Amino acid sequence: MQTDKIMVYSNGTGMEAALKETERFAKYQELDHKSSLRLRLLAEETLGMVKAIAGAFNAKFWLEKEGEECRIHLDADTYMDDEKARELIALSSSGKNEANKGFMGMIKNLILSAYKSLDQVNTDPMDYGGSTVMFGTPGMREVDALSNISFEWSYMQYREDLQESKAENAAAEEAWDELEKSIVANIADDVKVSVKGDIVEMVISKTF
């Protein structure tokens, strides 16, 4: 089962409709109150991340269910002229404000990096306590040469990579602490960010 696709914009347009669609989806799937609340929280966090991307950013939002797994999709077309892409990145990535911190801030920056070259996806760091975590390396998955996916990052792989390095790396330890505080990281089974041609896709999955 898949819902309608709703365009959501960083200025807030479409977000109320997206939340109503999330509630309809939960009701149709006969999720209990606790599961419905968790699904809405994941949707709210996703939309909050979109709002944190300043500039003319928009994406398609929808939900789907396969077996027992529910998935929240966010697809954005990265195709735009160089000037608009630079403006989007400059507006949303500048400054060290709260919107650029935390787990969903990292996901936001990972999505924005798709508007640069794919080489830069691997080099954009996150600051933690004066040190950095190169989040394009932890969480990266090998991509099949025959696949149409040119880049894929997974929260589960990221978590595993941090767990292995946090004892010896203060920045990784602080990044791990951010995971412990994150609503999405504590509720979702996985979060994947991938680039397929001109489309950057984020998928949050949760089995209820």
N, C-alpha and C. Protein backbone atom coordinates (compact mmCIF):
# COMPACT_ATOMS: atom_id res chain seq x y z
N MET A 1 0.84 -1.18 0.00
CA MET A 1 0.00 0.00 0.00
C MET A 1 0.88 1.25 0.00
N GLN A 2 0.55 2.21 -0.83
CA GLN A 2 1.31 3.45 -0.91
C GLN A 2 0.35 4.64 -0.92
N THR A 3 0.72 5.68 -0.18
CA THR A 3 -0.11 6.88 -0.13
C THR A 3 0.13 7.74 -1.36
N ASP A 4 -0.65 8.80 -1.49
CA ASP A 4 -0.38 9.80 -2.51
C ASP A 4 0.96 10.46 -2.20
N LYS A 5 1.61 10.96 -3.24
CA LYS A 5 2.86 11.70 -3.06
C LYS A 5 2.54 13.18 -2.90
N ILE A 6 3.07 13.77 -1.86
CA ILE A 6 2.78 15.17 -1.52
C ILE A 6 4.05 15.99 -1.64
N MET A 7 3.98 17.10 -2.33
CA MET A 7 5.13 17.99 -2.42
C MET A 7 5.23 18.79 -1.12
N VAL A 8 6.40 18.74 -0.51
CA VAL A 8 6.65 19.53 0.70
C VAL A 8 7.80 20.50 0.42
N TYR A 9 7.69 21.68 0.99
CA TYR A 9 8.64 22.75 0.71
C TYR A 9 9.25 23.26 2.02
N SER A 10 10.47 23.80 1.90
CA SER A 10 11.16 24.28 3.10
C SER A 10 10.46 25.48 3.73
N ASN A 11 9.54 26.13 3.00
CA ASN A 11 8.78 27.24 3.59
C ASN A 11 7.55 26.74 4.36
N GLY A 12 7.37 25.43 4.43
CA GLY A 12 6.28 24.85 5.20
C GLY A 12 5.10 24.38 4.38
N THR A 13 5.03 24.77 3.14
CA THR A 13 3.92 24.36 2.27
C THR A 13 3.89 22.84 2.13
N GLY A 14 2.71 22.28 2.27
CA GLY A 14 2.52 20.84 2.09
C GLY A 14 2.72 20.00 3.33
N MET A 15 3.25 20.60 4.39
CA MET A 15 3.59 19.80 5.56
C MET A 15 2.35 19.37 6.36
N GLU A 16 1.36 20.24 6.46
CA GLU A 16 0.14 19.86 7.15
C GLU A 16 -0.55 18.71 6.41
N ALA A 17 -0.55 18.79 5.09
CA ALA A 17 -1.15 17.73 4.28
C ALA A 17 -0.38 16.42 4.47
N ALA A 18 0.95 16.51 4.58
CA ALA A 18 1.78 15.32 4.77
C ALA A 18 1.47 14.65 6.11
N LEU A 19 1.27 15.44 7.16
CA LEU A 19 0.96 14.88 8.47
C LEU A 19 -0.44 14.25 8.49
N LYS A 20 -1.38 14.88 7.79
CA LYS A 20 -2.72 14.30 7.71
C LYS A 20 -2.69 12.98 6.95
N GLU A 21 -1.86 12.93 5.90
CA GLU A 21 -1.71 11.68 5.14
C GLU A 21 -1.08 10.60 6.02
N THR A 22 -0.15 11.00 6.88
CA THR A 22 0.47 10.06 7.81
C THR A 22 -0.57 9.49 8.77
N GLU A 23 -1.46 10.34 9.27
CA GLU A 23 -2.50 9.88 10.19
C GLU A 23 -3.49 8.95 9.49
N ARG A 24 -3.84 9.29 8.24
CA ARG A 24 -4.74 8.42 7.47
C ARG A 24 -4.11 7.06 7.22
N PHE A 25 -2.81 7.09 6.92
CA PHE A 25 -2.06 5.86 6.67
C PHE A 25 -2.07 4.96 7.90
N ALA A 26 -1.79 5.56 9.06
CA ALA A 26 -1.76 4.80 10.32
C ALA A 26 -3.13 4.19 10.62
N LYS A 27 -4.18 4.97 10.36
CA LYS A 27 -5.54 4.48 10.62
C LYS A 27 -5.89 3.34 9.66
N TYR A 28 -5.53 3.50 8.39
CA TYR A 28 -5.82 2.47 7.38
C TYR A 28 -5.09 1.18 7.71
N GLN A 29 -3.86 1.31 8.23
CA GLN A 29 -3.06 0.13 8.58
C GLN A 29 -3.45 -0.44 9.94
N GLU A 30 -4.40 0.20 10.61
CA GLU A 30 -4.89 -0.23 11.92
C GLU A 30 -3.77 -0.34 12.95
N LEU A 31 -2.89 0.66 12.91
CA LEU A 31 -1.81 0.72 13.91
C LEU A 31 -2.40 1.14 15.25
N ASP A 32 -1.86 0.59 16.33
CA ASP A 32 -2.36 0.99 17.64
C ASP A 32 -1.87 2.41 17.97
N HIS A 33 -2.34 2.94 19.08
CA HIS A 33 -2.05 4.34 19.42
C HIS A 33 -0.55 4.59 19.51
N LYS A 34 0.18 3.70 20.17
CA LYS A 34 1.62 3.89 20.36
C LYS A 34 2.35 3.87 19.02
N SER A 35 1.99 2.94 18.15
CA SER A 35 2.63 2.84 16.83
C SER A 35 2.29 4.04 15.97
N SER A 36 1.03 4.48 16.04
CA SER A 36 0.60 5.65 15.27
C SER A 36 1.38 6.89 15.71
N LEU A 37 1.56 7.03 17.01
CA LEU A 37 2.31 8.17 17.54
C LEU A 37 3.76 8.13 17.07
N ARG A 38 4.36 6.95 17.08
CA ARG A 38 5.76 6.82 16.64
C ARG A 38 5.89 7.16 15.16
N LEU A 39 4.94 6.70 14.35
CA LEU A 39 4.99 7.00 12.93
C LEU A 39 4.86 8.51 12.70
N ARG A 40 3.96 9.15 13.44
CA ARG A 40 3.80 10.59 13.29
C ARG A 40 5.07 11.33 13.73
N LEU A 41 5.70 10.88 14.80
CA LEU A 41 6.95 11.50 15.25
C LEU A 41 8.03 11.42 14.17
N LEU A 42 8.12 10.28 13.51
CA LEU A 42 9.10 10.11 12.43
C LEU A 42 8.78 11.06 11.28
N ALA A 43 7.49 11.20 10.96
CA ALA A 43 7.08 12.11 9.90
C ALA A 43 7.39 13.55 10.29
N GLU A 44 7.12 13.91 11.54
CA GLU A 44 7.39 15.27 12.01
C GLU A 44 8.88 15.59 11.95
N GLU A 45 9.71 14.64 12.35
CA GLU A 45 11.15 14.84 12.30
C GLU A 45 11.63 15.01 10.86
N THR A 46 11.05 14.24 9.96
CA THR A 46 11.40 14.35 8.54
C THR A 46 11.04 15.73 8.01
N LEU A 47 9.83 16.18 8.32
CA LEU A 47 9.38 17.48 7.83
C LEU A 47 10.14 18.62 8.51
N GLY A 48 10.51 18.43 9.78
CA GLY A 48 11.31 19.43 10.48
C GLY A 48 12.67 19.60 9.82
N MET A 49 13.23 18.50 9.33
CA MET A 49 14.51 18.56 8.63
C MET A 49 14.36 19.33 7.32
N VAL A 50 13.24 19.10 6.61
CA VAL A 50 12.98 19.84 5.37
C VAL A 50 12.91 21.34 5.65
N LYS A 51 12.23 21.73 6.73
CA LYS A 51 12.10 23.15 7.08
C LYS A 51 13.45 23.76 7.43
N ALA A 52 14.38 22.92 7.92
CA ALA A 52 15.71 23.42 8.29
C ALA A 52 16.58 23.68 7.07
N ILE A 53 16.13 23.24 5.90
CA ILE A 53 16.88 23.49 4.67
C ILE A 53 16.37 24.80 4.08
N ALA A 54 17.13 25.87 4.29
CA ALA A 54 16.71 27.18 3.80
C ALA A 54 16.81 27.23 2.28
N GLY A 55 16.03 28.13 1.68
CA GLY A 55 16.10 28.28 0.24
C GLY A 55 14.99 27.52 -0.47
N ALA A 56 15.11 27.41 -1.76
CA ALA A 56 14.05 26.83 -2.59
C ALA A 56 14.18 25.30 -2.64
N PHE A 57 14.05 24.66 -1.48
CA PHE A 57 14.14 23.20 -1.44
C PHE A 57 12.75 22.60 -1.40
N ASN A 58 12.53 21.58 -2.20
CA ASN A 58 11.26 20.85 -2.17
C ASN A 58 11.50 19.38 -2.43
N ALA A 59 10.57 18.56 -1.99
CA ALA A 59 10.71 17.12 -2.14
C ALA A 59 9.34 16.45 -2.13
N LYS A 60 9.28 15.24 -2.64
CA LYS A 60 8.05 14.46 -2.58
C LYS A 60 8.06 13.61 -1.31
N PHE A 61 6.95 13.61 -0.61
CA PHE A 61 6.80 12.86 0.65
C PHE A 61 5.69 11.84 0.46
N TRP A 62 5.95 10.62 0.87
CA TRP A 62 4.88 9.62 0.87
C TRP A 62 5.24 8.47 1.82
N LEU A 63 4.25 7.64 2.11
CA LEU A 63 4.45 6.47 2.97
C LEU A 63 4.03 5.22 2.21
N GLU A 64 4.63 4.11 2.58
CA GLU A 64 4.24 2.84 2.00
C GLU A 64 4.45 1.73 3.02
N LYS A 65 3.78 0.62 2.79
CA LYS A 65 3.91 -0.52 3.68
C LYS A 65 4.10 -1.78 2.85
N GLU A 66 5.08 -2.55 3.24
CA GLU A 66 5.35 -3.83 2.57
C GLU A 66 5.56 -4.86 3.67
N GLY A 67 4.66 -5.84 3.73
CA GLY A 67 4.69 -6.79 4.85
C GLY A 67 4.38 -6.04 6.12
N GLU A 68 5.26 -6.15 7.11
CA GLU A 68 5.08 -5.44 8.38
C GLU A 68 5.87 -4.14 8.44
N GLU A 69 6.62 -3.86 7.38
CA GLU A 69 7.51 -2.70 7.38
C GLU A 69 6.83 -1.47 6.79
N CYS A 70 6.83 -0.38 7.56
CA CYS A 70 6.34 0.91 7.08
C CYS A 70 7.54 1.76 6.70
N ARG A 71 7.40 2.50 5.60
CA ARG A 71 8.51 3.33 5.14
C ARG A 71 8.03 4.74 4.84
N ILE A 72 8.80 5.72 5.30
CA ILE A 72 8.58 7.13 4.97
C ILE A 72 9.59 7.50 3.90
N HIS A 73 9.11 8.01 2.78
CA HIS A 73 9.98 8.38 1.67
C HIS A 73 10.05 9.90 1.53
N LEU A 74 11.23 10.37 1.19
CA LEU A 74 11.43 11.77 0.84
C LEU A 74 12.36 11.78 -0.37
N ASP A 75 11.84 12.22 -1.52
CA ASP A 75 12.63 12.25 -2.74
C ASP A 75 12.78 13.69 -3.22
N ALA A 76 14.00 14.11 -3.49
CA ALA A 76 14.26 15.46 -3.99
C ALA A 76 15.05 15.38 -5.29
N ASP A 77 14.68 16.20 -6.23
CA ASP A 77 15.38 16.28 -7.51
C ASP A 77 16.54 17.26 -7.36
N THR A 78 17.75 16.79 -7.58
CA THR A 78 18.93 17.64 -7.38
C THR A 78 19.26 18.46 -8.62
N TYR A 79 18.51 18.25 -9.69
CA TYR A 79 18.83 18.98 -10.92
C TYR A 79 18.41 20.44 -10.81
N MET A 80 19.38 21.33 -10.81
CA MET A 80 19.14 22.77 -10.84
C MET A 80 20.41 23.43 -11.34
N ASP A 81 20.30 24.64 -11.81
CA ASP A 81 21.51 25.30 -12.32
C ASP A 81 22.49 25.56 -11.18
N ASP A 82 23.74 25.79 -11.54
CA ASP A 82 24.82 25.93 -10.55
C ASP A 82 24.55 27.05 -9.56
N GLU A 83 24.00 28.16 -10.05
CA GLU A 83 23.76 29.31 -9.17
C GLU A 83 22.73 28.97 -8.09
N LYS A 84 21.64 28.31 -8.47
CA LYS A 84 20.61 27.93 -7.50
C LYS A 84 21.14 26.90 -6.52
N ALA A 85 21.94 25.95 -7.01
CA ALA A 85 22.51 24.93 -6.14
C ALA A 85 23.44 25.56 -5.10
N ARG A 86 24.27 26.50 -5.55
CA ARG A 86 25.20 27.18 -4.63
C ARG A 86 24.42 27.98 -3.58
N GLU A 87 23.35 28.63 -4.02
CA GLU A 87 22.53 29.42 -3.10
C GLU A 87 21.88 28.53 -2.04
N LEU A 88 21.36 27.39 -2.48
CA LEU A 88 20.72 26.45 -1.56
C LEU A 88 21.72 25.96 -0.52
N ILE A 89 22.89 25.57 -0.97
CA ILE A 89 23.92 25.04 -0.06
C ILE A 89 24.41 26.13 0.90
N ALA A 90 24.62 27.35 0.37
CA ALA A 90 25.11 28.45 1.20
C ALA A 90 24.10 28.82 2.27
N LEU A 91 22.83 28.90 1.91
CA LEU A 91 21.79 29.28 2.86
C LEU A 91 21.61 28.24 3.96
N SER A 92 21.70 26.98 3.58
CA SER A 92 21.36 25.91 4.52
C SER A 92 22.55 25.36 5.29
N SER A 93 23.75 25.55 4.79
CA SER A 93 24.92 24.94 5.42
C SER A 93 25.76 25.92 6.22
N SER A 94 25.53 27.23 6.04
CA SER A 94 26.37 28.21 6.72
C SER A 94 26.02 28.32 8.19
N GLY A 95 27.02 28.66 8.99
CA GLY A 95 26.78 28.85 10.42
C GLY A 95 26.73 27.55 11.17
N LYS A 96 27.00 27.62 12.46
CA LYS A 96 26.96 26.44 13.31
C LYS A 96 25.76 26.55 14.24
N ASN A 97 24.56 26.67 13.67
CA ASN A 97 23.36 26.78 14.49
C ASN A 97 22.82 25.40 14.82
N GLU A 98 21.79 25.37 15.66
CA GLU A 98 21.25 24.09 16.13
C GLU A 98 20.71 23.24 15.00
N ALA A 99 20.21 23.89 13.94
CA ALA A 99 19.63 23.14 12.82
C ALA A 99 20.66 22.29 12.11
N ASN A 100 21.95 22.63 12.28
CA ASN A 100 23.01 21.87 11.63
C ASN A 100 23.61 20.81 12.54
N LYS A 101 23.04 20.65 13.75
CA LYS A 101 23.60 19.70 14.70
C LYS A 101 22.65 18.53 14.88
N GLY A 102 23.13 17.50 15.54
CA GLY A 102 22.29 16.35 15.82
C GLY A 102 22.18 15.40 14.64
N PHE A 103 21.49 14.29 14.88
CA PHE A 103 21.38 13.24 13.87
C PHE A 103 20.66 13.72 12.61
N MET A 104 19.50 14.39 12.77
CA MET A 104 18.76 14.83 11.60
C MET A 104 19.46 16.01 10.92
N GLY A 105 20.24 16.79 11.67
CA GLY A 105 21.06 17.82 11.05
C GLY A 105 22.11 17.19 10.14
N MET A 106 22.65 16.06 10.57
CA MET A 106 23.62 15.34 9.77
C MET A 106 22.96 14.81 8.49
N ILE A 107 21.75 14.25 8.63
CA ILE A 107 21.03 13.75 7.46
C ILE A 107 20.75 14.89 6.49
N LYS A 108 20.35 16.05 7.04
CA LYS A 108 20.10 17.22 6.21
C LYS A 108 21.34 17.59 5.40
N ASN A 109 22.49 17.62 6.06
CA ASN A 109 23.73 17.98 5.37
C ASN A 109 24.14 16.91 4.36
N LEU A 110 23.81 15.67 4.67
CA LEU A 110 24.11 14.58 3.73
C LEU A 110 23.28 14.74 2.46
N ILE A 111 22.01 15.12 2.62
CA ILE A 111 21.15 15.37 1.46
C ILE A 111 21.66 16.56 0.66
N LEU A 112 22.03 17.63 1.37
CA LEU A 112 22.54 18.82 0.69
C LEU A 112 23.82 18.53 -0.08
N SER A 113 24.62 17.61 0.45
CA SER A 113 25.88 17.31 -0.22
C SER A 113 25.66 16.68 -1.59
N ALA A 114 24.46 16.11 -1.80
CA ALA A 114 24.15 15.54 -3.11
C ALA A 114 24.01 16.63 -4.17
N TYR A 115 23.83 17.88 -3.73
CA TYR A 115 23.74 19.00 -4.67
C TYR A 115 25.14 19.48 -5.07
N LYS A 116 26.15 18.92 -4.41
CA LYS A 116 27.52 19.20 -4.80
C LYS A 116 27.96 18.03 -5.68
N SER A 117 29.23 17.77 -5.73
CA SER A 117 29.69 16.59 -6.46
C SER A 117 29.68 15.41 -5.50
N LEU A 118 29.59 14.20 -6.04
CA LEU A 118 29.57 13.02 -5.19
C LEU A 118 30.87 12.86 -4.42
N ASP A 119 31.97 13.42 -4.96
CA ASP A 119 33.24 13.34 -4.23
C ASP A 119 33.14 14.05 -2.90
N GLN A 120 32.37 15.13 -2.83
CA GLN A 120 32.26 15.91 -1.60
C GLN A 120 31.37 15.24 -0.57
N VAL A 121 30.54 14.30 -1.00
CA VAL A 121 29.74 13.56 -0.04
C VAL A 121 30.65 12.86 0.95
N ASN A 122 31.80 12.43 0.48
CA ASN A 122 32.71 11.67 1.32
C ASN A 122 33.61 12.54 2.19
N THR A 123 33.58 13.86 2.01
CA THR A 123 34.53 14.69 2.74
C THR A 123 33.89 15.70 3.66
N ASP A 124 32.58 15.88 3.58
CA ASP A 124 31.93 16.84 4.47
C ASP A 124 31.90 16.31 5.90
N PRO A 125 32.47 17.06 6.85
CA PRO A 125 32.54 16.56 8.23
C PRO A 125 31.42 17.09 9.11
N MET A 126 31.23 16.43 10.25
CA MET A 126 30.38 16.95 11.31
C MET A 126 31.28 17.30 12.48
N ASP A 127 31.03 18.45 13.09
CA ASP A 127 31.85 18.89 14.22
C ASP A 127 31.32 18.32 15.53
N TYR A 128 32.19 17.74 16.31
CA TYR A 128 31.84 17.21 17.63
C TYR A 128 32.96 17.54 18.58
N GLY A 129 32.68 18.46 19.51
CA GLY A 129 33.65 18.79 20.53
C GLY A 129 34.99 19.26 19.99
N GLY A 130 34.96 20.01 18.88
CA GLY A 130 36.19 20.51 18.30
C GLY A 130 36.85 19.53 17.36
N SER A 131 36.33 18.29 17.32
CA SER A 131 36.84 17.29 16.39
C SER A 131 35.76 17.04 15.33
N THR A 132 36.09 16.23 14.35
CA THR A 132 35.13 15.98 13.29
C THR A 132 34.94 14.50 13.05
N VAL A 133 33.73 14.17 12.60
CA VAL A 133 33.43 12.82 12.14
C VAL A 133 33.13 12.93 10.66
N MET A 134 33.86 12.22 9.85
CA MET A 134 33.62 12.27 8.41
C MET A 134 32.45 11.34 8.11
N PHE A 135 31.23 11.91 8.16
CA PHE A 135 30.06 11.04 8.11
C PHE A 135 29.84 10.42 6.75
N GLY A 136 30.56 10.88 5.74
CA GLY A 136 30.43 10.23 4.44
C GLY A 136 31.14 8.90 4.38
N THR A 137 32.00 8.61 5.38
CA THR A 137 32.68 7.32 5.41
C THR A 137 31.98 6.35 6.35
N PRO A 138 31.78 6.68 7.65
CA PRO A 138 30.93 5.81 8.48
C PRO A 138 29.51 5.78 7.90
N GLY A 139 28.97 4.60 7.76
CA GLY A 139 27.61 4.48 7.24
C GLY A 139 27.54 4.23 5.75
N MET A 140 28.67 4.41 5.05
CA MET A 140 28.68 4.16 3.61
C MET A 140 28.57 2.66 3.34
N ARG A 141 27.82 2.34 2.31
CA ARG A 141 27.70 0.95 1.88
C ARG A 141 28.28 0.81 0.49
N GLU A 142 28.83 -0.37 0.22
CA GLU A 142 29.33 -0.62 -1.12
C GLU A 142 28.15 -0.68 -2.08
N VAL A 143 28.34 -0.08 -3.23
CA VAL A 143 27.28 -0.04 -4.23
C VAL A 143 27.63 -0.99 -5.36
N ASP A 144 26.67 -1.81 -5.73
CA ASP A 144 26.85 -2.74 -6.83
C ASP A 144 27.14 -1.97 -8.11
N ALA A 145 28.14 -2.39 -8.84
CA ALA A 145 28.53 -1.69 -10.06
C ALA A 145 27.41 -1.66 -11.09
N LEU A 146 26.51 -2.63 -11.02
CA LEU A 146 25.40 -2.70 -11.97
C LEU A 146 24.17 -1.94 -11.49
N SER A 147 24.23 -1.43 -10.25
CA SER A 147 23.08 -0.73 -9.68
C SER A 147 22.98 0.69 -10.24
N ASN A 148 21.77 1.25 -10.23
CA ASN A 148 21.60 2.64 -10.66
C ASN A 148 21.82 3.60 -9.49
N ILE A 149 22.18 3.06 -8.33
CA ILE A 149 22.50 3.88 -7.16
C ILE A 149 23.97 4.25 -7.20
N SER A 150 24.27 5.53 -7.17
CA SER A 150 25.67 5.96 -7.22
C SER A 150 26.25 6.22 -5.83
N PHE A 151 25.38 6.33 -4.83
CA PHE A 151 25.82 6.57 -3.46
C PHE A 151 24.75 6.07 -2.50
N GLU A 152 25.16 5.37 -1.42
CA GLU A 152 24.18 4.96 -0.43
C GLU A 152 24.79 5.02 0.97
N TRP A 153 24.03 5.59 1.89
CA TRP A 153 24.43 5.70 3.30
C TRP A 153 23.33 5.08 4.13
N SER A 154 23.71 4.33 5.16
CA SER A 154 22.73 3.67 6.02
C SER A 154 23.00 3.99 7.48
N TYR A 155 21.92 4.36 8.20
CA TYR A 155 22.03 4.62 9.63
C TYR A 155 22.54 3.39 10.39
N MET A 156 22.04 2.22 10.04
CA MET A 156 22.46 1.01 10.75
C MET A 156 23.96 0.76 10.58
N GLN A 157 24.47 1.01 9.36
CA GLN A 157 25.90 0.86 9.13
C GLN A 157 26.68 1.94 9.86
N TYR A 158 26.13 3.16 9.87
CA TYR A 158 26.75 4.29 10.58
C TYR A 158 26.86 3.98 12.07
N ARG A 159 25.77 3.47 12.65
CA ARG A 159 25.75 3.12 14.06
C ARG A 159 26.80 2.05 14.38
N GLU A 160 26.87 1.05 13.50
CA GLU A 160 27.84 -0.03 13.70
C GLU A 160 29.27 0.51 13.61
N ASP A 161 29.52 1.39 12.65
CA ASP A 161 30.86 1.96 12.49
C ASP A 161 31.25 2.82 13.69
N LEU A 162 30.29 3.62 14.19
CA LEU A 162 30.59 4.45 15.36
C LEU A 162 30.86 3.59 16.59
N GLN A 163 30.09 2.53 16.75
CA GLN A 163 30.25 1.66 17.92
C GLN A 163 31.64 1.06 17.96
N GLU A 164 32.19 0.77 16.79
CA GLU A 164 33.52 0.18 16.71
C GLU A 164 34.63 1.19 17.01
N SER A 165 34.37 2.47 16.73
CA SER A 165 35.44 3.47 16.86
C SER A 165 35.29 4.41 18.04
N LYS A 166 34.13 4.41 18.72
CA LYS A 166 33.90 5.44 19.74
C LYS A 166 34.83 5.30 20.96
N ALA A 167 35.32 4.11 21.25
CA ALA A 167 36.19 3.93 22.40
C ALA A 167 37.53 4.62 22.20
N GLU A 168 37.93 4.79 20.95
CA GLU A 168 39.25 5.36 20.65
C GLU A 168 39.16 6.73 20.01
N ASN A 169 37.95 7.22 19.74
CA ASN A 169 37.78 8.47 19.01
C ASN A 169 36.75 9.33 19.73
N ALA A 170 37.21 10.47 20.28
CA ALA A 170 36.31 11.32 21.06
C ALA A 170 35.17 11.88 20.22
N ALA A 171 35.46 12.21 18.95
CA ALA A 171 34.43 12.75 18.07
C ALA A 171 33.37 11.68 17.79
N ALA A 172 33.82 10.45 17.58
CA ALA A 172 32.88 9.36 17.33
C ALA A 172 32.04 9.08 18.57
N GLU A 173 32.64 9.23 19.74
CA GLU A 173 31.90 9.03 20.99
C GLU A 173 30.81 10.08 21.16
N GLU A 174 31.13 11.34 20.79
CA GLU A 174 30.13 12.39 20.88
C GLU A 174 29.03 12.19 19.84
N ALA A 175 29.42 11.72 18.65
CA ALA A 175 28.43 11.42 17.62
C ALA A 175 27.50 10.31 18.09
N TRP A 176 28.06 9.33 18.81
CA TRP A 176 27.27 8.25 19.38
C TRP A 176 26.27 8.79 20.40
N ASP A 177 26.72 9.74 21.21
CA ASP A 177 25.82 10.36 22.20
C ASP A 177 24.67 11.08 21.51
N GLU A 178 24.93 11.69 20.34
CA GLU A 178 23.86 12.34 19.58
C GLU A 178 22.82 11.33 19.12
N LEU A 179 23.29 10.14 18.75
CA LEU A 179 22.35 9.09 18.35
C LEU A 179 21.43 8.72 19.51
N GLU A 180 22.00 8.65 20.69
CA GLU A 180 21.22 8.26 21.86
C GLU A 180 20.11 9.26 22.17
N LYS A 181 20.31 10.53 21.76
CA LYS A 181 19.33 11.58 22.02
C LYS A 181 18.29 11.73 20.91
N SER A 182 18.57 11.15 19.76
CA SER A 182 17.75 11.38 18.58
C SER A 182 16.45 10.57 18.61
N ILE A 183 15.32 11.25 18.36
CA ILE A 183 14.03 10.56 18.27
C ILE A 183 14.06 9.55 17.13
N VAL A 184 14.55 9.99 15.97
CA VAL A 184 14.57 9.11 14.80
C VAL A 184 15.46 7.90 15.03
N ALA A 185 16.67 8.14 15.56
CA ALA A 185 17.60 7.04 15.79
C ALA A 185 17.07 6.04 16.81
N ASN A 186 16.24 6.50 17.73
CA ASN A 186 15.71 5.61 18.76
C ASN A 186 14.44 4.89 18.33
N ILE A 187 13.75 5.41 17.31
CA ILE A 187 12.50 4.79 16.87
C ILE A 187 12.69 3.97 15.60
N ALA A 188 13.38 4.54 14.62
CA ALA A 188 13.49 3.90 13.31
C ALA A 188 14.34 2.64 13.35
N ASP A 189 14.02 1.71 12.47
CA ASP A 189 14.85 0.52 12.29
C ASP A 189 16.06 0.86 11.43
N ASP A 190 15.85 1.72 10.44
CA ASP A 190 16.95 2.15 9.58
C ASP A 190 16.57 3.45 8.88
N VAL A 191 17.59 4.19 8.50
CA VAL A 191 17.43 5.38 7.67
C VAL A 191 18.47 5.25 6.56
N LYS A 192 18.02 5.36 5.33
CA LYS A 192 18.94 5.27 4.20
C LYS A 192 18.85 6.53 3.36
N VAL A 193 19.99 6.99 2.91
CA VAL A 193 20.07 8.10 1.98
C VAL A 193 20.83 7.61 0.77
N SER A 194 20.22 7.75 -0.41
CA SER A 194 20.87 7.28 -1.63
C SER A 194 20.70 8.30 -2.73
N VAL A 195 21.59 8.21 -3.70
CA VAL A 195 21.53 9.07 -4.88
C VAL A 195 21.37 8.18 -6.09
N LYS A 196 20.29 8.43 -6.83
CA LYS A 196 20.03 7.69 -8.07
C LYS A 196 19.87 8.70 -9.19
N GLY A 197 20.89 8.88 -9.98
CA GLY A 197 20.84 9.89 -11.02
C GLY A 197 20.71 11.27 -10.41
N ASP A 198 19.63 11.99 -10.77
CA ASP A 198 19.41 13.34 -10.24
C ASP A 198 18.54 13.33 -8.99
N ILE A 199 18.17 12.16 -8.50
CA ILE A 199 17.27 12.06 -7.34
C ILE A 199 18.03 11.63 -6.10
N VAL A 200 17.88 12.43 -5.02
CA VAL A 200 18.40 12.03 -3.71
C VAL A 200 17.19 11.56 -2.90
N GLU A 201 17.31 10.37 -2.34
CA GLU A 201 16.18 9.74 -1.67
C GLU A 201 16.54 9.40 -0.23
N MET A 202 15.64 9.74 0.69
CA MET A 202 15.78 9.31 2.08
C MET A 202 14.60 8.41 2.40
N VAL A 203 14.89 7.27 3.02
CA VAL A 203 13.85 6.33 3.41
C VAL A 203 14.02 5.98 4.88
N ILE A 204 13.01 6.25 5.69
CA ILE A 204 13.01 5.84 7.09
C ILE A 204 12.11 4.61 7.20
N SER A 205 12.63 3.53 7.72
CA SER A 205 11.85 2.30 7.81
C SER A 205 11.62 1.91 9.27
N LYS A 206 10.43 1.37 9.54
CA LYS A 206 10.07 0.93 10.88
C LYS A 206 9.06 -0.21 10.77
N THR A 207 9.35 -1.32 11.44
CA THR A 207 8.43 -2.44 11.49
C THR A 207 7.61 -2.35 12.77
N PHE A 208 6.29 -2.34 12.61
CA PHE A 208 5.39 -2.26 13.76
C PHE A 208 4.78 -3.63 14.02
